[in-house]
Every structure is written in C-alpha cells, then in structure tokens.
Amino acid sequence: MTDEKKNLTGLADDVKPDASGPDSGKLDLDNILDVRNLSKYFDIKTGFFSSLPLKAVDDVSFFIRHKETLGLVGESGCGKTTVGRALMWLYPPTSGEVYFDGERISEKNVRSLRRNMQMVFQDPYSSLNPRMTVEDIIGESLSIHKIFKTKKEQRERVYELMRLVGLNKEHATRYSHEFSGGQRQRIGIARALAINPKFIVCDESVSALDVSIQAQILNMFKDLQDQLNLSYLFIAHDILVVTYMSDRIAVMYLGKIVELAKTDEINKNPIHPYTESLFSAVPIPDPRTARQSNRIVLEGDVPSPLHVPSGCAFRTRCPYATEQCTLETPPFEDRGSEHFVACWNR
C-alpha cells in the first residue's frame, strides 16, 4: 500500500464513511470509484495564434460502489466517452480527482492500477488488431503484466476466458476479421477480463450490434458481474439499455451530469427537464398508450461545447428557463434518497 493510500485510509478512519453525495468531501472506502470535480478540456485552434477550450467534461462528480453498475446516458457528443477515457487515464484529466479503491489515480500509479481497471470499447471492428490472432489479443495483457511463467499456462488461461464469454477453443488461432460483430465484442470482453479486473468501463459496448445480439451481450455482462464481483460504468445513448443494466443512472448534457438517481427512482420521478424528455422519447409498443403519452419535444439544437451558454447549459432548450438560469449555474443537489439534480426551477 502506497503512502498516499495509507493517508487516505487514515482519513477514512477519522470520519464515518459517507455516501451522502457524489462530492461530499469524504472518501467512502465502500466505493470502488470516487470521482471529484472531473474536467477534461481540449484546446481547439481557431486561428494561427488563437485557440478555445472545448469543455468535453466539466466539473463532474459521482461514485460507484463495489459490485454496482452506474449507467451514464446522454445524446451523442455530451462527453460520456470522454468521462470513461479520463477515468482510465487514456485522456489525462484537465482537473479534478479520481480515486480507485481509496487510492488517487495519477500518472505515476495508473499503470499498476490498470490491472484492476479495464475498458470494453464501442467498435468491435476497430478495437481489435487485425494482425493478431484471438489468442494473442486476449493474452496480450497477460504478457505485459507477466502473469504466467510459461506459454502453456497462459494459453490455458486464454481458453478459460474464451469459454467464459461463449467462444470455442478452436477460435483461438483465427483472426478478428473472421468473426461477426457479436463474436468480436466477446473477444474484447475476454481481453478486458484477462487480468481479473475489479472495474470495467463499458463504452457503448452494444450500440454497434444487432438487437438480438445486444440482448445476449447484456445478459453476459450481468452474469459475469455475478460470477466475478465486477463493478461497471455502463455508457450508452439508449436509455432502455441503461435502465436494464444499471443500479443507478446518471444523465449527462453538454459535459455536465444534470441528474443522478437509483434506476427505479429516476424512471418513476425524473426531475430535470432533459431527463423528462429522454424518457418521453422511449417507444411504447401499445398504440393506445403511445397516443396518450406526453411526448416532450425539445426546441433548438445542442449548443457547441466551444461556446457553452452562461449559467445552466440546458437553458437554451428548456421550457422552464428563467433569468436566474442565465446568470448562475445550478448546484448539483440531493433532493432526497440520493436523487441528485442540477436545476433551479424543478
């Protein structure tokens, strides 16, 4: 255990564990992941000598408990993938803090912590090396971290992982182009599981697959979580998929989390206007019920992250916006039962 982790553990001993908020100021060791005021900006050139910060993620805070799935949902371009990559340090954060199992992630320790943190990427076609066999793809991390002393032991581990995700032993010598999209995603999942991680970022892991294959992969994720005691950050733009997978749901808009609550709570009682519009857009199979439902259609387009509106970022499309929404950014407050919302008027 590093000195920094000892200090954090000592801090936790001085205070009672507290999960009262995503940014409560206290470190809860019951959480596998604590994210505090995470921001990631990209400098975009606007001229020869000028640039503007693109605020992909802006002051985001949340936590994930052990064996829990937190769903992160929002429309394309809202910053979901950037959050996942910043947690993995694939994009070093501009500011903020990320704690994994009580230890703050930094450039110095991220390599060692990645043994317990892995990622399943969105595109099963481009995320696998076409020049490597399935055995080499899955076994690459085992070689990097020098888990096994002999090739035979490593090969047996690869076969075990392939069986775990529904692939045959005979597939080990084939290349990724010989597989379907669903099979390729299974290879990607096996690769992520190779070194027994505790936490996995699932970045749009089923969005590129057919609906029937999506169901198989989602059920496999749930089975693996039960078998291996995994925690997930499940990123998706399909709110039905997120609802099925998640214990809690965080709704993201233009780089900020605007609402976070338990899945049942946010389904029954969405508070933020953007969350209401997302749930109202879910297709209803019964035509009569669909005609009676109140579809909330948002006006206007999503503002550019290069020119985020002042105050509340959603105010340009919100039917409840007031002058206060223009002047001040709403705080991310607990409305009871760990239901956090950032809105002045709801």
Protein backbone atom coordinates (compact mmCIF):
# COMPACT_ATOMS: atom_id res chain seq x y z
CA MET A 1 0.00 0.00 0.00
CA THR A 2 1.37 3.39 -1.00
CA ASP A 3 1.87 6.25 1.47
CA GLU A 4 -0.90 8.16 -0.26
CA LYS A 5 -3.33 5.30 0.19
CA LYS A 6 -2.34 4.96 3.85
CA ASN A 7 -3.07 8.64 4.35
CA LEU A 8 -6.48 8.28 2.70
CA THR A 9 -7.25 5.22 4.79
CA GLY A 10 -6.31 7.15 7.89
CA LEU A 11 -8.61 9.95 6.82
CA ALA A 12 -11.45 7.49 6.41
CA ASP A 13 -10.81 6.14 9.92
CA ASP A 14 -11.24 9.63 11.36
CA VAL A 15 -14.68 10.08 9.86
CA LYS A 16 -17.60 7.77 9.31
CA PRO A 17 -17.99 6.51 5.73
CA ASP A 18 -20.30 8.84 3.89
CA ALA A 19 -22.09 8.23 0.62
CA SER A 20 -24.37 11.23 1.01
CA GLY A 21 -23.27 12.83 -2.23
CA PRO A 22 -21.05 12.48 -5.25
CA ASP A 23 -18.87 15.30 -3.94
CA SER A 24 -19.40 15.11 -0.19
CA GLY A 25 -15.75 15.80 0.66
CA LYS A 26 -15.33 12.48 2.50
CA LEU A 27 -13.77 9.37 1.00
CA ASP A 28 -16.02 6.33 1.35
CA LEU A 29 -13.96 3.14 1.16
CA ASP A 30 -17.14 1.20 0.34
CA ASN A 31 -16.93 2.80 -3.11
CA ILE A 32 -14.65 1.28 -5.71
CA LEU A 33 -14.54 4.59 -7.59
CA ASP A 34 -14.84 8.20 -6.39
CA VAL A 35 -14.80 10.97 -8.99
CA ARG A 36 -14.42 14.53 -7.70
CA ASN A 37 -14.88 17.61 -9.93
CA LEU A 38 -13.50 15.87 -13.02
CA SER A 39 -12.93 18.11 -16.06
CA LYS A 40 -11.39 17.46 -19.44
CA TYR A 41 -10.82 20.32 -21.88
CA PHE A 42 -9.34 20.11 -25.37
CA ASP A 43 -7.67 23.12 -26.96
CA ILE A 44 -9.19 23.72 -30.39
CA LYS A 45 -7.32 26.01 -32.77
CA THR A 46 -9.45 28.87 -34.10
CA GLY A 47 -6.62 30.65 -35.91
CA PHE A 48 -2.86 30.75 -36.30
CA PHE A 49 -2.28 32.09 -32.79
CA SER A 50 -5.63 31.56 -31.06
CA SER A 51 -7.50 28.64 -29.56
CA LEU A 52 -10.58 27.93 -27.47
CA PRO A 53 -11.13 25.26 -24.80
CA LEU A 54 -13.65 22.61 -25.78
CA LYS A 55 -15.24 21.59 -22.48
CA ALA A 56 -15.89 17.90 -23.16
CA VAL A 57 -16.32 17.16 -19.43
CA ASP A 58 -16.91 20.00 -16.99
CA ASP A 59 -16.85 19.54 -13.20
CA VAL A 60 -18.36 16.04 -12.98
CA SER A 61 -18.65 14.19 -9.65
CA PHE A 62 -20.03 10.72 -8.88
CA PHE A 63 -19.16 7.45 -7.15
CA ILE A 64 -19.58 3.75 -7.94
CA ARG A 65 -19.96 1.16 -5.19
CA HIS A 66 -18.45 -2.31 -5.23
CA LYS A 67 -20.43 -4.74 -7.44
CA GLU A 68 -22.60 -1.87 -8.70
CA THR A 69 -23.41 -0.69 -12.22
CA LEU A 70 -23.70 3.04 -12.84
CA GLY A 71 -25.29 3.88 -16.17
CA LEU A 72 -24.17 7.06 -17.96
CA VAL A 73 -26.66 8.21 -20.58
CA GLY A 74 -26.97 11.19 -22.88
CA GLU A 75 -27.06 12.15 -26.54
CA SER A 76 -24.04 11.90 -28.83
CA GLY A 77 -21.33 14.45 -28.09
CA CYS A 78 -22.31 15.10 -24.47
CA GLY A 79 -18.99 13.79 -23.08
CA LYS A 80 -19.85 10.24 -21.97
CA THR A 81 -16.93 8.54 -23.69
CA THR A 82 -14.54 11.25 -22.52
CA VAL A 83 -15.55 10.53 -18.92
CA GLY A 84 -14.74 6.84 -19.37
CA ARG A 85 -11.40 7.53 -21.04
CA ALA A 86 -10.46 10.11 -18.41
CA LEU A 87 -11.12 7.57 -15.65
CA MET A 88 -8.74 5.17 -17.40
CA TRP A 89 -6.21 7.98 -17.90
CA LEU A 90 -6.37 7.49 -21.68
CA TYR A 91 -7.19 11.21 -21.59
CA PRO A 92 -5.32 12.73 -18.63
CA PRO A 93 -7.87 14.95 -16.82
CA THR A 94 -7.53 18.72 -17.03
CA SER A 95 -8.56 18.98 -13.38
CA GLY A 96 -10.30 17.00 -10.66
CA GLU A 97 -9.53 13.82 -8.77
CA VAL A 98 -10.31 10.15 -9.35
CA TYR A 99 -9.90 7.64 -6.51
CA PHE A 100 -9.87 3.91 -7.22
CA ASP A 101 -10.30 1.67 -4.17
CA GLY A 102 -9.18 4.55 -1.93
CA GLU A 103 -6.08 5.40 -3.97
CA ARG A 104 -5.87 8.55 -6.04
CA ILE A 105 -5.08 7.85 -9.71
CA SER A 106 -2.13 9.75 -11.07
CA GLU A 107 0.35 9.46 -13.91
CA LYS A 108 2.74 7.65 -11.56
CA ASN A 109 0.45 4.82 -10.47
CA VAL A 110 -2.04 4.49 -13.33
CA ARG A 111 -0.10 1.63 -14.96
CA SER A 112 -0.26 -0.53 -11.85
CA LEU A 113 -3.93 0.35 -11.21
CA ARG A 114 -4.90 -0.66 -14.74
CA ARG A 115 -4.56 -4.27 -13.64
CA ASN A 116 -7.84 -3.67 -11.81
CA MET A 117 -9.41 -1.25 -14.31
CA GLN A 118 -10.24 -2.24 -17.88
CA MET A 119 -12.33 -0.97 -20.76
CA VAL A 120 -14.57 -2.54 -23.40
CA PHE A 121 -14.67 -0.24 -26.43
CA GLN A 122 -17.57 0.73 -28.64
CA ASP A 123 -16.46 -0.53 -32.03
CA PRO A 124 -15.65 -4.26 -32.09
CA TYR A 125 -14.22 -3.84 -35.60
CA SER A 126 -11.55 -1.19 -34.98
CA SER A 127 -10.68 -2.05 -31.36
CA LEU A 128 -9.07 -5.41 -32.27
CA ASN A 129 -5.73 -5.69 -34.03
CA PRO A 130 -6.37 -7.43 -37.40
CA ARG A 131 -2.81 -8.78 -37.47
CA MET A 132 -3.16 -10.70 -34.21
CA THR A 133 -4.90 -14.00 -33.56
CA VAL A 134 -7.58 -14.26 -30.89
CA GLU A 135 -5.13 -15.98 -28.56
CA ASP A 136 -2.63 -13.12 -28.97
CA ILE A 137 -5.31 -10.44 -28.47
CA ILE A 138 -6.65 -11.93 -25.25
CA GLY A 139 -3.22 -12.92 -23.96
CA GLU A 140 -1.51 -9.59 -24.67
CA SER A 141 -2.26 -8.08 -21.25
CA LEU A 142 -1.17 -11.33 -19.58
CA SER A 143 2.20 -10.97 -21.29
CA ILE A 144 2.53 -7.27 -20.47
CA HIS A 145 1.89 -7.83 -16.77
CA LYS A 146 3.84 -11.11 -16.75
CA ILE A 147 1.04 -13.05 -15.06
CA PHE A 148 2.24 -16.52 -16.09
CA LYS A 149 5.72 -18.00 -16.31
CA THR A 150 5.07 -20.36 -19.22
CA LYS A 151 3.23 -20.12 -22.53
CA LYS A 152 1.25 -23.24 -21.70
CA GLU A 153 -0.22 -21.68 -18.52
CA GLN A 154 -1.06 -18.51 -20.42
CA ARG A 155 -2.75 -20.47 -23.22
CA GLU A 156 -4.90 -22.36 -20.70
CA ARG A 157 -5.98 -19.02 -19.20
CA VAL A 158 -6.90 -17.75 -22.67
CA TYR A 159 -9.00 -20.88 -23.32
CA GLU A 160 -10.72 -20.41 -19.96
CA LEU A 161 -11.60 -16.80 -20.82
CA MET A 162 -12.91 -17.83 -24.24
CA ARG A 163 -15.22 -20.38 -22.65
CA LEU A 164 -16.37 -17.74 -20.17
CA VAL A 165 -17.58 -15.42 -22.94
CA GLY A 166 -19.07 -18.13 -25.16
CA LEU A 167 -16.26 -18.74 -27.65
CA ASN A 168 -14.81 -22.10 -28.67
CA LYS A 169 -11.23 -23.20 -28.11
CA GLU A 170 -10.88 -23.66 -31.87
CA HIS A 171 -11.34 -19.92 -32.39
CA ALA A 172 -8.00 -19.15 -30.73
CA THR A 173 -5.93 -19.40 -33.93
CA ARG A 174 -8.25 -17.26 -36.06
CA TYR A 175 -8.06 -13.54 -36.81
CA SER A 176 -10.63 -10.92 -35.88
CA HIS A 177 -11.88 -10.37 -39.46
CA GLU A 178 -13.19 -13.95 -39.46
CA PHE A 179 -15.78 -13.19 -36.77
CA SER A 180 -19.13 -11.44 -36.62
CA GLY A 181 -19.65 -8.22 -34.67
CA GLY A 182 -21.06 -10.02 -31.64
CA GLN A 183 -18.19 -12.51 -31.59
CA ARG A 184 -15.66 -9.69 -31.86
CA GLN A 185 -17.22 -7.94 -28.89
CA ARG A 186 -16.94 -11.19 -26.93
CA ILE A 187 -13.22 -11.22 -27.78
CA GLY A 188 -12.96 -7.65 -26.49
CA ILE A 189 -14.73 -8.61 -23.26
CA ALA A 190 -12.43 -11.62 -22.79
CA ARG A 191 -9.43 -9.32 -23.28
CA ALA A 192 -10.78 -6.95 -20.60
CA LEU A 193 -11.31 -9.84 -18.17
CA ALA A 194 -7.88 -11.41 -18.73
CA ILE A 195 -6.12 -9.94 -15.68
CA ASN A 196 -9.08 -10.23 -13.28
CA PRO A 197 -10.10 -6.54 -13.03
CA LYS A 198 -12.49 -5.24 -10.38
CA PHE A 199 -13.91 -2.42 -12.50
CA ILE A 200 -14.78 -2.20 -16.21
CA VAL A 201 -15.79 0.81 -18.30
CA CYS A 202 -18.28 -0.39 -20.93
CA ASP A 203 -18.24 2.33 -23.60
CA GLU A 204 -21.28 1.88 -25.87
CA SER A 205 -20.41 -1.82 -25.85
CA VAL A 206 -23.60 -2.97 -27.62
CA SER A 207 -24.53 0.03 -29.79
CA ALA A 208 -22.86 -1.43 -32.92
CA LEU A 209 -24.64 -4.79 -32.60
CA ASP A 210 -27.98 -6.16 -33.79
CA VAL A 211 -30.77 -6.05 -31.22
CA SER A 212 -30.85 -9.83 -30.67
CA ILE A 213 -27.07 -9.89 -30.19
CA GLN A 214 -27.33 -6.90 -27.85
CA ALA A 215 -29.56 -8.90 -25.53
CA GLN A 216 -27.05 -11.78 -25.42
CA ILE A 217 -24.13 -9.46 -24.63
CA LEU A 218 -26.08 -7.55 -21.96
CA ASN A 219 -27.10 -10.79 -20.24
CA MET A 220 -23.49 -11.97 -20.40
CA PHE A 221 -22.35 -8.72 -18.73
CA LYS A 222 -24.81 -9.37 -15.90
CA ASP A 223 -23.74 -13.00 -15.50
CA LEU A 224 -20.06 -12.00 -15.42
CA GLN A 225 -20.80 -9.37 -12.80
CA ASP A 226 -22.40 -12.01 -10.55
CA GLN A 227 -19.62 -14.55 -11.12
CA LEU A 228 -16.64 -12.21 -10.82
CA ASN A 229 -17.99 -9.47 -8.48
CA LEU A 230 -17.40 -6.76 -11.07
CA SER A 231 -18.34 -3.08 -10.98
CA TYR A 232 -19.32 -1.30 -14.21
CA LEU A 233 -19.57 2.18 -15.61
CA PHE A 234 -22.02 1.44 -18.42
CA ILE A 235 -22.05 4.18 -21.05
CA ALA A 236 -24.83 4.26 -23.66
CA HIS A 237 -27.18 6.58 -25.50
CA ASP A 238 -30.07 4.09 -25.38
CA ILE A 239 -31.91 4.77 -22.15
CA LEU A 240 -33.71 1.40 -22.24
CA VAL A 241 -30.38 -0.46 -22.33
CA VAL A 242 -29.06 1.65 -19.47
CA THR A 243 -32.23 1.07 -17.44
CA TYR A 244 -31.91 -2.70 -17.88
CA MET A 245 -28.24 -2.79 -16.89
CA SER A 246 -27.87 -0.20 -14.14
CA ASP A 247 -28.44 0.11 -10.42
CA ARG A 248 -28.21 3.89 -10.72
CA ILE A 249 -28.38 6.22 -13.72
CA ALA A 250 -26.52 9.49 -14.38
CA VAL A 251 -27.88 11.74 -17.13
CA MET A 252 -25.31 13.89 -18.93
CA TYR A 253 -25.81 17.02 -21.03
CA LEU A 254 -23.09 19.13 -22.66
CA GLY A 255 -20.28 17.97 -20.39
CA LYS A 256 -22.20 18.02 -17.10
CA ILE A 257 -24.23 15.50 -15.14
CA VAL A 258 -27.68 17.05 -14.68
CA GLU A 259 -29.40 14.22 -12.78
CA LEU A 260 -28.33 11.09 -10.90
CA ALA A 261 -30.54 8.65 -9.03
CA LYS A 262 -31.41 5.00 -8.49
CA THR A 263 -32.85 3.41 -11.62
CA ASP A 264 -36.37 2.86 -10.23
CA GLU A 265 -36.46 6.36 -8.79
CA ILE A 266 -35.38 8.15 -11.96
CA ASN A 267 -37.82 6.08 -14.04
CA LYS A 268 -40.78 6.95 -11.82
CA ASN A 269 -39.79 10.51 -10.99
CA PRO A 270 -37.48 12.22 -13.49
CA ILE A 271 -36.99 15.80 -12.28
CA HIS A 272 -34.67 17.54 -14.72
CA PRO A 273 -36.42 18.69 -17.96
CA TYR A 274 -33.76 16.98 -20.08
CA THR A 275 -34.28 13.66 -18.28
CA GLU A 276 -38.04 14.01 -18.76
CA SER A 277 -37.57 14.50 -22.50
CA LEU A 278 -35.30 11.43 -22.74
CA PHE A 279 -37.80 9.14 -21.03
CA SER A 280 -40.72 10.57 -23.01
CA ALA A 281 -38.92 9.61 -26.25
CA VAL A 282 -38.84 5.89 -25.35
CA PRO A 283 -41.05 4.00 -27.86
CA ILE A 284 -44.20 2.44 -26.39
CA PRO A 285 -45.35 -0.79 -28.12
CA ASP A 286 -49.06 -0.28 -27.32
CA PRO A 287 -50.53 2.22 -29.87
CA ARG A 288 -53.28 3.41 -27.49
CA THR A 289 -50.87 4.09 -24.67
CA ALA A 290 -48.46 5.74 -27.11
CA ARG A 291 -51.17 8.16 -28.33
CA GLN A 292 -51.99 9.13 -24.75
CA SER A 293 -48.38 9.65 -23.70
CA ASN A 294 -47.00 13.15 -23.43
CA ARG A 295 -44.03 13.35 -25.80
CA ILE A 296 -41.73 16.22 -24.81
CA VAL A 297 -40.05 17.64 -27.91
CA LEU A 298 -37.10 19.90 -27.19
CA GLU A 299 -36.72 23.02 -29.31
CA GLY A 300 -33.45 24.15 -30.86
CA ASP A 301 -30.13 22.38 -31.23
CA VAL A 302 -27.46 21.39 -28.74
CA PRO A 303 -25.09 24.36 -28.29
CA SER A 304 -21.46 23.99 -29.30
CA PRO A 305 -19.17 22.89 -26.44
CA LEU A 306 -16.82 25.63 -27.67
CA HIS A 307 -19.45 28.23 -26.76
CA VAL A 308 -21.34 26.83 -23.78
CA PRO A 309 -24.22 29.11 -22.67
CA SER A 310 -23.74 31.02 -19.44
CA GLY A 311 -25.44 29.72 -16.30
CA CYS A 312 -27.30 26.48 -16.98
CA ALA A 313 -26.09 24.83 -20.20
CA PHE A 314 -29.60 23.47 -20.90
CA ARG A 315 -31.38 26.83 -20.60
CA THR A 316 -31.44 27.48 -24.38
CA ARG A 317 -33.74 24.45 -24.85
CA CYS A 318 -35.55 24.40 -21.52
CA PRO A 319 -39.25 25.35 -21.29
CA TYR A 320 -38.82 26.36 -17.63
CA ALA A 321 -35.78 28.66 -18.07
CA THR A 322 -35.74 31.95 -16.15
CA GLU A 323 -33.31 34.84 -15.78
CA GLN A 324 -31.60 33.04 -12.90
CA CYS A 325 -30.75 30.17 -15.28
CA THR A 326 -28.85 32.67 -17.44
CA LEU A 327 -26.87 34.18 -14.56
CA GLU A 328 -25.96 31.20 -12.36
CA THR A 329 -25.05 27.55 -12.81
CA PRO A 330 -27.47 25.43 -10.74
CA PRO A 331 -25.86 23.38 -7.95
CA PHE A 332 -25.95 19.59 -8.09
CA GLU A 333 -28.14 18.99 -5.03
CA ASP A 334 -29.64 15.96 -3.27
CA ARG A 335 -33.45 16.10 -3.44
CA GLY A 336 -33.72 13.11 -1.11
CA SER A 337 -32.93 9.38 -1.36
CA GLU A 338 -29.69 10.05 -3.26
CA HIS A 339 -31.60 11.74 -6.09
CA PHE A 340 -29.27 14.49 -7.31
CA VAL A 341 -30.46 17.20 -9.71
CA ALA A 342 -28.95 20.38 -11.13
CA CYS A 343 -31.96 22.64 -11.85
CA TRP A 344 -33.20 25.94 -10.44
CA ASN A 345 -36.88 25.53 -11.30
CA ARG A 346 -37.81 21.87 -10.76
